[in-house]
Amino acid sequence: MKLIVMTRATFFVEEDKILSTLFEAGMDHLHLYKPGAEPIYSERLLTLLDEDYYGKITVHDHFYLKDEYRLRGIHINTAEGEAPAGYRGNISRTCHAISELKETKKRSNYVFLKTLFDSQSNKNDKATLTREELEQASRQGLIDKKVYAMGGMNLDTIPVAKELGFGGVVICGDLWNRFNILGGLDYKELIAHFEKLRKAVG
C-alpha cells in the first residue's frame, strides 16, 4: 500500500526542514498543495529542498513547475479536469464520488477518492461516503490499486482502507497537526508519527 503525504495548505517557516527530514526518513511521494498561493512561494520552497527529492513531488497548481524542476507529476483537483495542452507525464486526479472512479482511472496514473472520514486538516470537510457504499464499490472492483483513500486517514482508519482494497492513503492533518507552526521548532513527534504511518501501510 502506498503512502502519500500532502503538504499543509499554507506555508510555514520550518516547512523545508521538516520535508527534508521526512524524505530522509523514507517519504517517497509528496503532494505539494498550496491553494491560492502565488507560484513564487512554491518555487522558493522547492529551491530549499535537495534536487534529489524533486522526482518524488507532485504539484497541484502552477503546472509549469513540473518541467522546470523535473517533478514527478501533476494533480488535478477534480475528476473532469483536463491536463494542460501538450502535457506528457504522470497525472492524478481527485474523485468526489464513487461514480467518477471508472472513467477517471482510465485517464490517470492514480486517483484520490474523498472524503472517507471527517478531515483532520479542514473541519468543514466531512465524510461523504458510507461504509456500505465503499464496500459495494470494492466488490465491484471500482476500488483497486489505482485508488487512494483521502480524508481523515490515520493509524485507526488505514486498516479500513486496506480492507476495502485501496492502493494507498493520503495523509495530511494527522501528520501536520503534530507540529505547532506558530513558533514550533521541535518536530521529532511528527517524524516519529510518520514512521508509524509507514509501518501501518506496510
N, C-alpha and C. Protein backbone atom coordinates (compact mmCIF):
# COMPACT_ATOMS: atom_id res chain seq x y z
N MET A 1 0.84 -1.19 0.00
CA MET A 1 0.00 0.00 0.00
C MET A 1 0.89 1.25 0.00
N LYS A 2 0.54 2.21 -0.85
CA LYS A 2 1.33 3.44 -0.97
C LYS A 2 0.93 4.47 0.10
N LEU A 3 1.90 5.28 0.48
CA LEU A 3 1.66 6.36 1.43
C LEU A 3 2.02 7.69 0.77
N ILE A 4 1.02 8.55 0.60
CA ILE A 4 1.27 9.89 0.06
C ILE A 4 1.08 10.89 1.18
N VAL A 5 2.03 11.80 1.32
CA VAL A 5 1.90 12.90 2.28
C VAL A 5 1.54 14.15 1.49
N MET A 6 0.50 14.84 1.95
CA MET A 6 0.11 16.10 1.33
C MET A 6 0.54 17.25 2.25
N THR A 7 1.10 18.29 1.67
CA THR A 7 1.54 19.42 2.48
C THR A 7 0.35 20.12 3.15
N ARG A 8 0.66 20.91 4.16
CA ARG A 8 -0.35 21.82 4.70
C ARG A 8 -0.74 22.78 3.59
N ALA A 9 -1.94 23.34 3.68
CA ALA A 9 -2.40 24.25 2.63
C ALA A 9 -1.67 25.58 2.65
N THR A 10 -1.04 25.91 3.78
CA THR A 10 -0.31 27.17 3.91
C THR A 10 1.17 26.89 4.16
N PHE A 11 2.01 27.86 3.77
CA PHE A 11 3.45 27.74 4.01
C PHE A 11 3.76 28.11 5.47
N PHE A 12 4.86 27.56 5.99
CA PHE A 12 5.29 27.95 7.33
C PHE A 12 6.81 27.84 7.42
N VAL A 13 7.39 28.46 8.43
CA VAL A 13 8.83 28.69 8.50
C VAL A 13 9.66 27.42 8.44
N GLU A 14 9.31 26.40 9.19
CA GLU A 14 10.15 25.21 9.28
C GLU A 14 9.84 24.16 8.21
N GLU A 15 8.98 24.52 7.25
CA GLU A 15 8.47 23.51 6.32
C GLU A 15 9.55 22.79 5.54
N ASP A 16 10.50 23.51 5.00
CA ASP A 16 11.54 22.87 4.18
C ASP A 16 12.36 21.90 5.01
N LYS A 17 12.65 22.25 6.27
CA LYS A 17 13.44 21.37 7.13
C LYS A 17 12.67 20.09 7.43
N ILE A 18 11.38 20.22 7.73
CA ILE A 18 10.56 19.04 8.04
C ILE A 18 10.43 18.15 6.81
N LEU A 19 10.15 18.76 5.65
CA LEU A 19 10.02 17.96 4.43
C LEU A 19 11.32 17.21 4.11
N SER A 20 12.44 17.89 4.27
CA SER A 20 13.74 17.24 4.02
C SER A 20 13.94 16.06 4.96
N THR A 21 13.57 16.24 6.23
CA THR A 21 13.72 15.17 7.21
C THR A 21 12.78 14.01 6.89
N LEU A 22 11.56 14.33 6.42
CA LEU A 22 10.62 13.28 6.03
C LEU A 22 11.16 12.48 4.84
N PHE A 23 11.74 13.18 3.87
CA PHE A 23 12.33 12.47 2.73
C PHE A 23 13.46 11.55 3.21
N GLU A 24 14.29 12.07 4.12
CA GLU A 24 15.39 11.27 4.65
C GLU A 24 14.85 10.04 5.41
N ALA A 25 13.67 10.20 6.01
CA ALA A 25 13.07 9.12 6.80
C ALA A 25 12.33 8.12 5.93
N GLY A 26 12.31 8.35 4.61
CA GLY A 26 11.72 7.38 3.71
C GLY A 26 10.46 7.80 2.97
N MET A 27 10.05 9.07 3.12
CA MET A 27 8.89 9.52 2.35
C MET A 27 9.24 9.47 0.86
N ASP A 28 8.42 8.76 0.08
CA ASP A 28 8.76 8.65 -1.34
C ASP A 28 7.74 9.31 -2.26
N HIS A 29 6.73 9.98 -1.68
CA HIS A 29 5.79 10.71 -2.54
C HIS A 29 5.12 11.83 -1.74
N LEU A 30 5.38 13.05 -2.18
CA LEU A 30 4.80 14.25 -1.56
C LEU A 30 3.92 14.97 -2.57
N HIS A 31 2.72 15.38 -2.13
CA HIS A 31 1.88 16.23 -2.96
C HIS A 31 1.98 17.66 -2.45
N LEU A 32 2.47 18.55 -3.30
CA LEU A 32 2.61 19.96 -2.96
C LEU A 32 1.29 20.66 -3.25
N TYR A 33 0.55 20.96 -2.19
CA TYR A 33 -0.80 21.52 -2.30
C TYR A 33 -0.86 22.82 -1.53
N LYS A 34 -0.87 23.95 -2.24
CA LYS A 34 -0.91 25.28 -1.64
C LYS A 34 -1.95 26.13 -2.37
N PRO A 35 -3.24 25.82 -2.19
CA PRO A 35 -4.28 26.51 -2.95
C PRO A 35 -4.28 28.02 -2.76
N GLY A 36 -4.33 28.73 -3.89
CA GLY A 36 -4.40 30.19 -3.84
C GLY A 36 -3.09 30.90 -3.63
N ALA A 37 -2.01 30.16 -3.43
CA ALA A 37 -0.71 30.79 -3.18
C ALA A 37 -0.05 31.21 -4.48
N GLU A 38 0.73 32.26 -4.39
CA GLU A 38 1.50 32.71 -5.55
C GLU A 38 2.58 31.68 -5.87
N PRO A 39 2.85 31.43 -7.15
CA PRO A 39 3.83 30.41 -7.51
C PRO A 39 5.23 30.65 -6.98
N ILE A 40 5.58 31.92 -6.74
CA ILE A 40 6.93 32.23 -6.25
C ILE A 40 7.22 31.55 -4.92
N TYR A 41 6.18 31.36 -4.10
CA TYR A 41 6.38 30.73 -2.80
C TYR A 41 6.63 29.23 -2.95
N SER A 42 5.95 28.61 -3.91
CA SER A 42 6.21 27.19 -4.17
C SER A 42 7.62 27.02 -4.74
N GLU A 43 8.01 27.94 -5.60
CA GLU A 43 9.36 27.89 -6.16
C GLU A 43 10.41 28.01 -5.06
N ARG A 44 10.16 28.93 -4.14
CA ARG A 44 11.12 29.13 -3.05
C ARG A 44 11.24 27.86 -2.21
N LEU A 45 10.10 27.23 -1.89
CA LEU A 45 10.14 26.00 -1.11
C LEU A 45 10.92 24.92 -1.85
N LEU A 46 10.67 24.79 -3.15
CA LEU A 46 11.37 23.77 -3.93
C LEU A 46 12.88 24.00 -3.95
N THR A 47 13.29 25.26 -4.06
CA THR A 47 14.73 25.55 -4.11
C THR A 47 15.43 25.26 -2.78
N LEU A 48 14.65 25.19 -1.70
CA LEU A 48 15.22 24.89 -0.39
C LEU A 48 15.36 23.38 -0.16
N LEU A 49 14.81 22.59 -1.06
CA LEU A 49 14.89 21.14 -0.96
C LEU A 49 15.99 20.61 -1.87
N ASP A 50 16.57 19.50 -1.52
CA ASP A 50 17.59 18.86 -2.35
C ASP A 50 16.97 18.43 -3.67
N GLU A 51 17.67 18.65 -4.75
CA GLU A 51 17.16 18.28 -6.08
C GLU A 51 16.86 16.80 -6.19
N ASP A 52 17.51 15.99 -5.38
CA ASP A 52 17.27 14.54 -5.43
C ASP A 52 15.83 14.19 -5.07
N TYR A 53 15.14 15.11 -4.39
CA TYR A 53 13.77 14.84 -3.96
C TYR A 53 12.72 15.27 -4.99
N TYR A 54 13.13 16.02 -5.99
CA TYR A 54 12.15 16.58 -6.94
C TYR A 54 11.33 15.49 -7.64
N GLY A 55 11.95 14.38 -7.93
CA GLY A 55 11.26 13.29 -8.62
C GLY A 55 10.24 12.58 -7.75
N LYS A 56 10.12 13.01 -6.49
CA LYS A 56 9.15 12.42 -5.57
C LYS A 56 8.01 13.39 -5.25
N ILE A 57 7.96 14.50 -5.98
CA ILE A 57 6.98 15.56 -5.68
C ILE A 57 5.99 15.74 -6.83
N THR A 58 4.71 15.73 -6.48
CA THR A 58 3.63 16.02 -7.43
C THR A 58 3.02 17.36 -7.05
N VAL A 59 2.74 18.20 -8.06
CA VAL A 59 2.27 19.56 -7.79
C VAL A 59 0.79 19.69 -8.17
N HIS A 60 0.05 20.45 -7.34
CA HIS A 60 -1.39 20.62 -7.56
C HIS A 60 -1.72 21.90 -8.35
N ASP A 61 -0.84 22.84 -8.36
CA ASP A 61 -1.08 24.10 -9.07
C ASP A 61 0.20 24.50 -9.79
N HIS A 62 0.08 25.53 -10.64
CA HIS A 62 1.27 26.06 -11.33
C HIS A 62 2.04 24.91 -11.98
N PHE A 63 1.36 24.27 -12.93
CA PHE A 63 1.87 23.03 -13.51
C PHE A 63 3.21 23.19 -14.23
N TYR A 64 3.59 24.42 -14.58
CA TYR A 64 4.88 24.63 -15.23
C TYR A 64 6.03 24.18 -14.32
N LEU A 65 5.77 24.14 -13.00
CA LEU A 65 6.80 23.73 -12.06
C LEU A 65 7.25 22.30 -12.31
N LYS A 66 6.34 21.49 -12.86
CA LYS A 66 6.66 20.08 -13.10
C LYS A 66 7.87 19.95 -14.01
N ASP A 67 7.88 20.69 -15.12
CA ASP A 67 9.00 20.62 -16.05
C ASP A 67 10.20 21.41 -15.56
N GLU A 68 9.92 22.57 -14.97
CA GLU A 68 11.02 23.44 -14.54
C GLU A 68 11.89 22.77 -13.48
N TYR A 69 11.25 22.01 -12.59
CA TYR A 69 12.00 21.35 -11.51
C TYR A 69 12.07 19.83 -11.67
N ARG A 70 11.61 19.34 -12.82
CA ARG A 70 11.62 17.90 -13.09
C ARG A 70 10.92 17.12 -11.98
N LEU A 71 9.69 17.55 -11.68
CA LEU A 71 8.91 16.92 -10.63
C LEU A 71 8.28 15.63 -11.13
N ARG A 72 7.68 14.90 -10.22
CA ARG A 72 7.12 13.59 -10.54
C ARG A 72 5.89 13.69 -11.44
N GLY A 73 5.03 14.69 -11.20
CA GLY A 73 3.81 14.80 -12.00
C GLY A 73 2.93 15.94 -11.53
N ILE A 74 1.70 15.96 -12.07
CA ILE A 74 0.74 17.00 -11.71
C ILE A 74 -0.54 16.34 -11.19
N HIS A 75 -1.25 17.08 -10.35
CA HIS A 75 -2.53 16.58 -9.82
C HIS A 75 -3.63 17.59 -10.11
N ILE A 76 -4.73 17.08 -10.65
CA ILE A 76 -5.89 17.91 -10.94
C ILE A 76 -6.95 17.62 -9.89
N ASN A 77 -7.49 18.67 -9.27
CA ASN A 77 -8.33 18.50 -8.08
C ASN A 77 -9.77 18.10 -8.36
N THR A 78 -10.09 17.80 -9.62
CA THR A 78 -11.43 17.32 -9.96
C THR A 78 -11.29 16.13 -10.90
N ALA A 79 -12.37 15.36 -11.03
CA ALA A 79 -12.34 14.18 -11.91
C ALA A 79 -12.35 14.58 -13.37
N GLU A 80 -13.07 15.66 -13.69
CA GLU A 80 -13.24 16.04 -15.10
C GLU A 80 -12.17 16.99 -15.62
N GLY A 81 -11.31 17.50 -14.74
CA GLY A 81 -10.30 18.48 -15.14
C GLY A 81 -9.34 17.93 -16.19
N GLU A 82 -8.92 18.79 -17.09
CA GLU A 82 -8.02 18.39 -18.17
C GLU A 82 -6.59 18.85 -17.88
N ALA A 83 -5.64 18.09 -18.35
CA ALA A 83 -4.24 18.47 -18.25
C ALA A 83 -3.96 19.61 -19.23
N PRO A 84 -2.92 20.40 -18.98
CA PRO A 84 -2.56 21.46 -19.93
C PRO A 84 -2.29 20.88 -21.31
N ALA A 85 -2.59 21.64 -22.34
CA ALA A 85 -2.38 21.18 -23.72
C ALA A 85 -0.94 20.74 -23.92
N GLY A 86 -0.78 19.56 -24.50
CA GLY A 86 0.55 19.05 -24.79
C GLY A 86 1.26 18.41 -23.62
N TYR A 87 0.60 18.37 -22.46
CA TYR A 87 1.26 17.80 -21.28
C TYR A 87 1.53 16.32 -21.47
N ARG A 88 2.74 15.90 -21.11
CA ARG A 88 3.10 14.50 -21.12
C ARG A 88 3.76 14.19 -19.78
N GLY A 89 3.29 13.16 -19.13
CA GLY A 89 3.86 12.80 -17.83
C GLY A 89 2.79 12.27 -16.89
N ASN A 90 3.19 11.98 -15.68
CA ASN A 90 2.27 11.43 -14.69
C ASN A 90 1.17 12.43 -14.36
N ILE A 91 -0.04 11.90 -14.20
CA ILE A 91 -1.17 12.76 -13.86
C ILE A 91 -2.09 12.00 -12.91
N SER A 92 -2.55 12.70 -11.89
CA SER A 92 -3.51 12.12 -10.96
C SER A 92 -4.65 13.11 -10.78
N ARG A 93 -5.78 12.60 -10.29
CA ARG A 93 -6.96 13.44 -10.13
C ARG A 93 -7.68 13.08 -8.83
N THR A 94 -8.54 13.99 -8.36
CA THR A 94 -9.37 13.71 -7.19
C THR A 94 -10.80 13.44 -7.62
N CYS A 95 -11.33 12.30 -7.17
CA CYS A 95 -12.74 11.96 -7.38
C CYS A 95 -13.51 12.26 -6.10
N HIS A 96 -14.67 12.92 -6.27
CA HIS A 96 -15.50 13.24 -5.12
C HIS A 96 -16.71 12.33 -5.00
N ALA A 97 -16.80 11.36 -5.91
CA ALA A 97 -17.91 10.41 -5.90
C ALA A 97 -17.44 9.08 -6.48
N ILE A 98 -17.99 7.99 -5.99
CA ILE A 98 -17.63 6.67 -6.49
C ILE A 98 -17.96 6.54 -7.98
N SER A 99 -19.03 7.21 -8.39
CA SER A 99 -19.46 7.13 -9.80
C SER A 99 -18.42 7.70 -10.76
N GLU A 100 -17.48 8.49 -10.25
CA GLU A 100 -16.45 9.09 -11.10
C GLU A 100 -15.25 8.18 -11.31
N LEU A 101 -15.14 7.14 -10.50
CA LEU A 101 -13.91 6.34 -10.47
C LEU A 101 -13.60 5.65 -11.80
N LYS A 102 -14.56 4.95 -12.35
CA LYS A 102 -14.30 4.09 -13.51
C LYS A 102 -13.64 4.84 -14.65
N GLU A 103 -14.24 5.96 -15.07
CA GLU A 103 -13.71 6.71 -16.22
C GLU A 103 -12.45 7.48 -15.85
N THR A 104 -12.41 8.01 -14.63
CA THR A 104 -11.26 8.83 -14.24
C THR A 104 -9.98 8.00 -14.14
N LYS A 105 -10.11 6.76 -13.68
CA LYS A 105 -8.93 5.89 -13.58
C LYS A 105 -8.29 5.66 -14.95
N LYS A 106 -9.13 5.62 -16.00
CA LYS A 106 -8.60 5.39 -17.35
C LYS A 106 -7.71 6.53 -17.81
N ARG A 107 -7.96 7.74 -17.29
CA ARG A 107 -7.24 8.94 -17.74
C ARG A 107 -6.18 9.39 -16.75
N SER A 108 -5.88 8.55 -15.75
CA SER A 108 -4.98 8.97 -14.67
C SER A 108 -4.05 7.82 -14.29
N ASN A 109 -2.88 8.17 -13.75
CA ASN A 109 -1.99 7.15 -13.21
C ASN A 109 -2.56 6.58 -11.91
N TYR A 110 -3.23 7.46 -11.14
CA TYR A 110 -3.93 7.05 -9.94
C TYR A 110 -4.90 8.17 -9.58
N VAL A 111 -5.85 7.86 -8.69
CA VAL A 111 -6.83 8.88 -8.29
C VAL A 111 -7.00 8.86 -6.77
N PHE A 112 -7.36 10.02 -6.21
CA PHE A 112 -7.77 10.11 -4.81
C PHE A 112 -9.29 9.97 -4.76
N LEU A 113 -9.80 9.29 -3.76
CA LEU A 113 -11.24 9.26 -3.50
C LEU A 113 -11.47 9.90 -2.15
N LYS A 114 -12.24 10.99 -2.14
CA LYS A 114 -12.54 11.67 -0.89
C LYS A 114 -14.04 11.91 -0.77
N THR A 115 -14.61 12.01 0.42
CA THR A 115 -13.93 12.04 1.70
C THR A 115 -14.39 10.83 2.50
N LEU A 116 -13.45 9.94 2.87
CA LEU A 116 -13.83 8.70 3.55
C LEU A 116 -14.25 8.95 4.99
N PHE A 117 -13.47 9.76 5.69
CA PHE A 117 -13.76 10.09 7.08
C PHE A 117 -13.66 11.60 7.25
N ASP A 118 -14.12 12.11 8.36
CA ASP A 118 -14.02 13.55 8.62
C ASP A 118 -12.56 13.97 8.56
N SER A 119 -12.30 15.06 7.83
CA SER A 119 -10.94 15.56 7.66
C SER A 119 -10.36 16.03 8.99
N GLN A 120 -9.04 15.84 9.15
CA GLN A 120 -8.34 16.31 10.34
C GLN A 120 -7.61 17.62 10.06
N SER A 121 -7.66 18.08 8.82
CA SER A 121 -6.99 19.33 8.47
C SER A 121 -8.00 20.43 8.13
N ASN A 122 -9.24 20.05 7.83
CA ASN A 122 -10.28 21.02 7.49
C ASN A 122 -11.59 20.60 8.16
N LYS A 123 -11.97 21.32 9.20
CA LYS A 123 -13.15 20.94 10.00
C LYS A 123 -14.44 20.90 9.18
N ASN A 124 -14.48 21.65 8.08
CA ASN A 124 -15.69 21.69 7.25
C ASN A 124 -15.78 20.52 6.26
N ASP A 125 -14.70 19.76 6.15
CA ASP A 125 -14.64 18.66 5.19
C ASP A 125 -15.08 17.37 5.88
N LYS A 126 -16.37 17.09 5.81
CA LYS A 126 -16.94 15.93 6.49
C LYS A 126 -17.01 14.71 5.57
N ALA A 127 -17.09 13.54 6.16
CA ALA A 127 -17.19 12.30 5.39
C ALA A 127 -18.41 12.35 4.48
N THR A 128 -18.23 11.93 3.23
CA THR A 128 -19.33 11.96 2.25
C THR A 128 -19.68 10.55 1.74
N LEU A 129 -18.92 9.55 2.19
CA LEU A 129 -19.12 8.20 1.70
C LEU A 129 -19.42 7.26 2.87
N THR A 130 -20.41 6.41 2.71
CA THR A 130 -20.74 5.47 3.78
C THR A 130 -19.93 4.19 3.62
N ARG A 131 -19.81 3.44 4.71
CA ARG A 131 -19.07 2.17 4.66
C ARG A 131 -19.74 1.23 3.67
N GLU A 132 -21.07 1.24 3.62
CA GLU A 132 -21.80 0.37 2.70
C GLU A 132 -21.47 0.71 1.25
N GLU A 133 -21.42 2.01 0.94
CA GLU A 133 -21.09 2.43 -0.43
C GLU A 133 -19.68 1.99 -0.81
N LEU A 134 -18.76 2.13 0.15
CA LEU A 134 -17.37 1.77 -0.11
C LEU A 134 -17.22 0.27 -0.30
N GLU A 135 -17.91 -0.50 0.52
CA GLU A 135 -17.84 -1.96 0.40
C GLU A 135 -18.40 -2.43 -0.94
N GLN A 136 -19.47 -1.79 -1.37
CA GLN A 136 -20.06 -2.15 -2.67
C GLN A 136 -19.10 -1.80 -3.80
N ALA A 137 -18.47 -0.62 -3.71
CA ALA A 137 -17.50 -0.20 -4.74
C ALA A 137 -16.32 -1.16 -4.77
N SER A 138 -15.93 -1.64 -3.62
CA SER A 138 -14.83 -2.61 -3.54
C SER A 138 -15.22 -3.92 -4.21
N ARG A 139 -16.41 -4.39 -3.93
CA ARG A 139 -16.88 -5.64 -4.54
C ARG A 139 -16.98 -5.54 -6.06
N GLN A 140 -17.32 -4.34 -6.53
CA GLN A 140 -17.47 -4.11 -7.98
C GLN A 140 -16.14 -3.88 -8.68
N GLY A 141 -15.06 -3.83 -7.90
CA GLY A 141 -13.74 -3.61 -8.48
C GLY A 141 -13.43 -2.16 -8.81
N LEU A 142 -14.28 -1.25 -8.35
CA LEU A 142 -14.03 0.17 -8.60
C LEU A 142 -12.89 0.69 -7.72
N ILE A 143 -12.79 0.15 -6.52
CA ILE A 143 -11.68 0.48 -5.63
C ILE A 143 -10.60 -0.57 -5.85
N ASP A 144 -9.42 -0.09 -6.25
CA ASP A 144 -8.30 -1.01 -6.52
C ASP A 144 -6.99 -0.30 -6.27
N LYS A 145 -5.90 -0.82 -6.81
CA LYS A 145 -4.57 -0.27 -6.55
C LYS A 145 -4.39 1.15 -7.07
N LYS A 146 -5.22 1.57 -8.03
CA LYS A 146 -5.09 2.92 -8.59
C LYS A 146 -5.88 3.96 -7.79
N VAL A 147 -6.59 3.52 -6.76
CA VAL A 147 -7.43 4.43 -5.98
C VAL A 147 -6.85 4.58 -4.58
N TYR A 148 -6.61 5.85 -4.18
CA TYR A 148 -6.03 6.14 -2.87
C TYR A 148 -7.08 6.80 -1.98
N ALA A 149 -7.17 6.35 -0.74
CA ALA A 149 -8.15 6.86 0.22
C ALA A 149 -7.71 8.21 0.78
N MET A 150 -8.64 9.15 0.81
CA MET A 150 -8.32 10.50 1.29
C MET A 150 -9.43 10.99 2.22
N GLY A 151 -9.02 11.68 3.27
CA GLY A 151 -9.99 12.24 4.21
C GLY A 151 -10.00 11.50 5.53
N GLY A 152 -9.41 12.11 6.57
CA GLY A 152 -9.42 11.51 7.89
C GLY A 152 -8.57 10.26 8.02
N MET A 153 -7.54 10.15 7.19
CA MET A 153 -6.70 8.95 7.26
C MET A 153 -5.70 9.06 8.40
N ASN A 154 -5.64 8.00 9.22
CA ASN A 154 -4.74 7.96 10.36
C ASN A 154 -4.48 6.49 10.73
N LEU A 155 -3.82 6.26 11.84
CA LEU A 155 -3.48 4.88 12.22
C LEU A 155 -4.72 4.02 12.44
N ASP A 156 -5.82 4.64 12.83
CA ASP A 156 -7.06 3.89 13.07
C ASP A 156 -7.81 3.57 11.77
N THR A 157 -7.72 4.47 10.79
CA THR A 157 -8.51 4.30 9.57
C THR A 157 -7.74 3.63 8.43
N ILE A 158 -6.43 3.61 8.49
CA ILE A 158 -5.64 2.94 7.46
C ILE A 158 -6.04 1.47 7.31
N PRO A 159 -6.23 0.72 8.41
CA PRO A 159 -6.65 -0.69 8.24
C PRO A 159 -7.98 -0.83 7.51
N VAL A 160 -8.88 0.15 7.67
CA VAL A 160 -10.16 0.11 6.96
C VAL A 160 -9.91 0.26 5.46
N ALA A 161 -9.04 1.20 5.09
CA ALA A 161 -8.70 1.42 3.68
C ALA A 161 -8.06 0.17 3.08
N LYS A 162 -7.20 -0.48 3.87
CA LYS A 162 -6.56 -1.72 3.41
C LYS A 162 -7.60 -2.79 3.14
N GLU A 163 -8.52 -2.94 4.09
CA GLU A 163 -9.56 -3.97 3.99
C GLU A 163 -10.44 -3.76 2.76
N LEU A 164 -10.66 -2.48 2.40
CA LEU A 164 -11.51 -2.15 1.26
C LEU A 164 -10.77 -2.29 -0.08
N GLY A 165 -9.46 -2.48 -0.02
CA GLY A 165 -8.70 -2.70 -1.25
C GLY A 165 -8.09 -1.47 -1.88
N PHE A 166 -8.00 -0.37 -1.13
CA PHE A 166 -7.36 0.83 -1.67
C PHE A 166 -5.88 0.57 -1.90
N GLY A 167 -5.34 1.20 -2.95
CA GLY A 167 -3.93 1.03 -3.26
C GLY A 167 -3.02 1.93 -2.46
N GLY A 168 -3.59 2.90 -1.76
CA GLY A 168 -2.79 3.81 -0.97
C GLY A 168 -3.66 4.73 -0.14
N VAL A 169 -3.01 5.54 0.69
CA VAL A 169 -3.72 6.52 1.52
C VAL A 169 -3.02 7.86 1.40
N VAL A 170 -3.79 8.93 1.61
CA VAL A 170 -3.27 10.28 1.58
C VAL A 170 -3.33 10.84 3.00
N ILE A 171 -2.17 11.22 3.53
CA ILE A 171 -2.08 11.72 4.90
C ILE A 171 -1.83 13.22 4.88
N CYS A 172 -2.59 13.94 5.68
CA CYS A 172 -2.36 15.39 5.79
C CYS A 172 -2.46 15.82 7.26
N GLY A 173 -3.68 16.12 7.72
CA GLY A 173 -3.86 16.64 9.07
C GLY A 173 -3.30 15.77 10.16
N ASP A 174 -3.42 14.46 10.03
CA ASP A 174 -2.93 13.54 11.06
C ASP A 174 -1.44 13.74 11.32
N LEU A 175 -0.71 14.16 10.30
CA LEU A 175 0.73 14.40 10.45
C LEU A 175 1.01 15.83 10.89
N TRP A 176 0.46 16.78 10.15
CA TRP A 176 0.80 18.19 10.39
C TRP A 176 0.23 18.74 11.70
N ASN A 177 -0.82 18.14 12.21
CA ASN A 177 -1.38 18.61 13.49
C ASN A 177 -0.45 18.30 14.66
N ARG A 178 0.62 17.56 14.39
CA ARG A 178 1.58 17.22 15.45
C ARG A 178 2.73 18.20 15.53
N PHE A 179 2.61 19.32 14.83
CA PHE A 179 3.66 20.35 14.88
C PHE A 179 3.00 21.72 14.99
N ASN A 180 3.49 22.52 15.91
CA ASN A 180 2.99 23.88 16.09
C ASN A 180 3.69 24.82 15.12
N ILE A 181 2.98 25.20 14.04
CA ILE A 181 3.62 26.05 13.02
C ILE A 181 3.86 27.47 13.52
N LEU A 182 3.21 27.84 14.62
CA LEU A 182 3.38 29.20 15.17
C LEU A 182 4.50 29.19 16.19
N GLY A 183 5.71 29.05 15.71
CA GLY A 183 6.87 29.14 16.60
C GLY A 183 7.44 27.81 17.04
N GLY A 184 6.87 26.71 16.58
CA GLY A 184 7.41 25.41 16.95
C GLY A 184 8.75 25.15 16.28
N LEU A 185 9.64 24.46 16.99
CA LEU A 185 10.95 24.12 16.44
C LEU A 185 11.22 22.62 16.49
N ASP A 186 10.60 21.96 17.46
CA ASP A 186 10.84 20.54 17.66
C ASP A 186 9.79 19.73 16.89
N TYR A 187 10.25 19.01 15.87
CA TYR A 187 9.31 18.22 15.08
C TYR A 187 9.61 16.72 15.18
N LYS A 188 10.23 16.32 16.30
CA LYS A 188 10.52 14.88 16.50
C LYS A 188 9.25 14.06 16.55
N GLU A 189 8.20 14.58 17.20
CA GLU A 189 6.94 13.83 17.31
C GLU A 189 6.35 13.57 15.93
N LEU A 190 6.41 14.60 15.07
CA LEU A 190 5.89 14.46 13.71
C LEU A 190 6.64 13.36 12.95
N ILE A 191 7.96 13.37 13.04
CA ILE A 191 8.76 12.37 12.32
C ILE A 191 8.50 10.97 12.89
N ALA A 192 8.39 10.87 14.21
CA ALA A 192 8.12 9.57 14.84
C ALA A 192 6.76 9.04 14.39
N HIS A 193 5.79 9.95 14.24
CA HIS A 193 4.46 9.52 13.80
C HIS A 193 4.50 9.08 12.34
N PHE A 194 5.29 9.76 11.53
CA PHE A 194 5.44 9.34 10.13
C PHE A 194 5.96 7.90 10.05
N GLU A 195 6.91 7.56 10.92
CA GLU A 195 7.46 6.20 10.93
C GLU A 195 6.35 5.19 11.24
N LYS A 196 5.46 5.53 12.16
CA LYS A 196 4.33 4.65 12.48
C LYS A 196 3.40 4.49 11.29
N LEU A 197 3.16 5.58 10.58
CA LEU A 197 2.30 5.53 9.40
C LEU A 197 2.90 4.64 8.32
N ARG A 198 4.21 4.75 8.14
CA ARG A 198 4.89 3.91 7.15
C ARG A 198 4.73 2.42 7.48
N LYS A 199 4.86 2.10 8.75
CA LYS A 199 4.69 0.70 9.16
C LYS A 199 3.25 0.25 8.97
N ALA A 200 2.30 1.16 9.22
CA ALA A 200 0.88 0.82 9.13
C ALA A 200 0.47 0.47 7.70
N VAL A 201 1.03 1.18 6.71
CA VAL A 201 0.67 0.88 5.33
C VAL A 201 1.40 -0.36 4.83
N GLY A 202 2.46 -0.71 5.53
CA GLY A 202 3.18 -1.95 5.20
C GLY A 202 3.91 -1.86 3.90
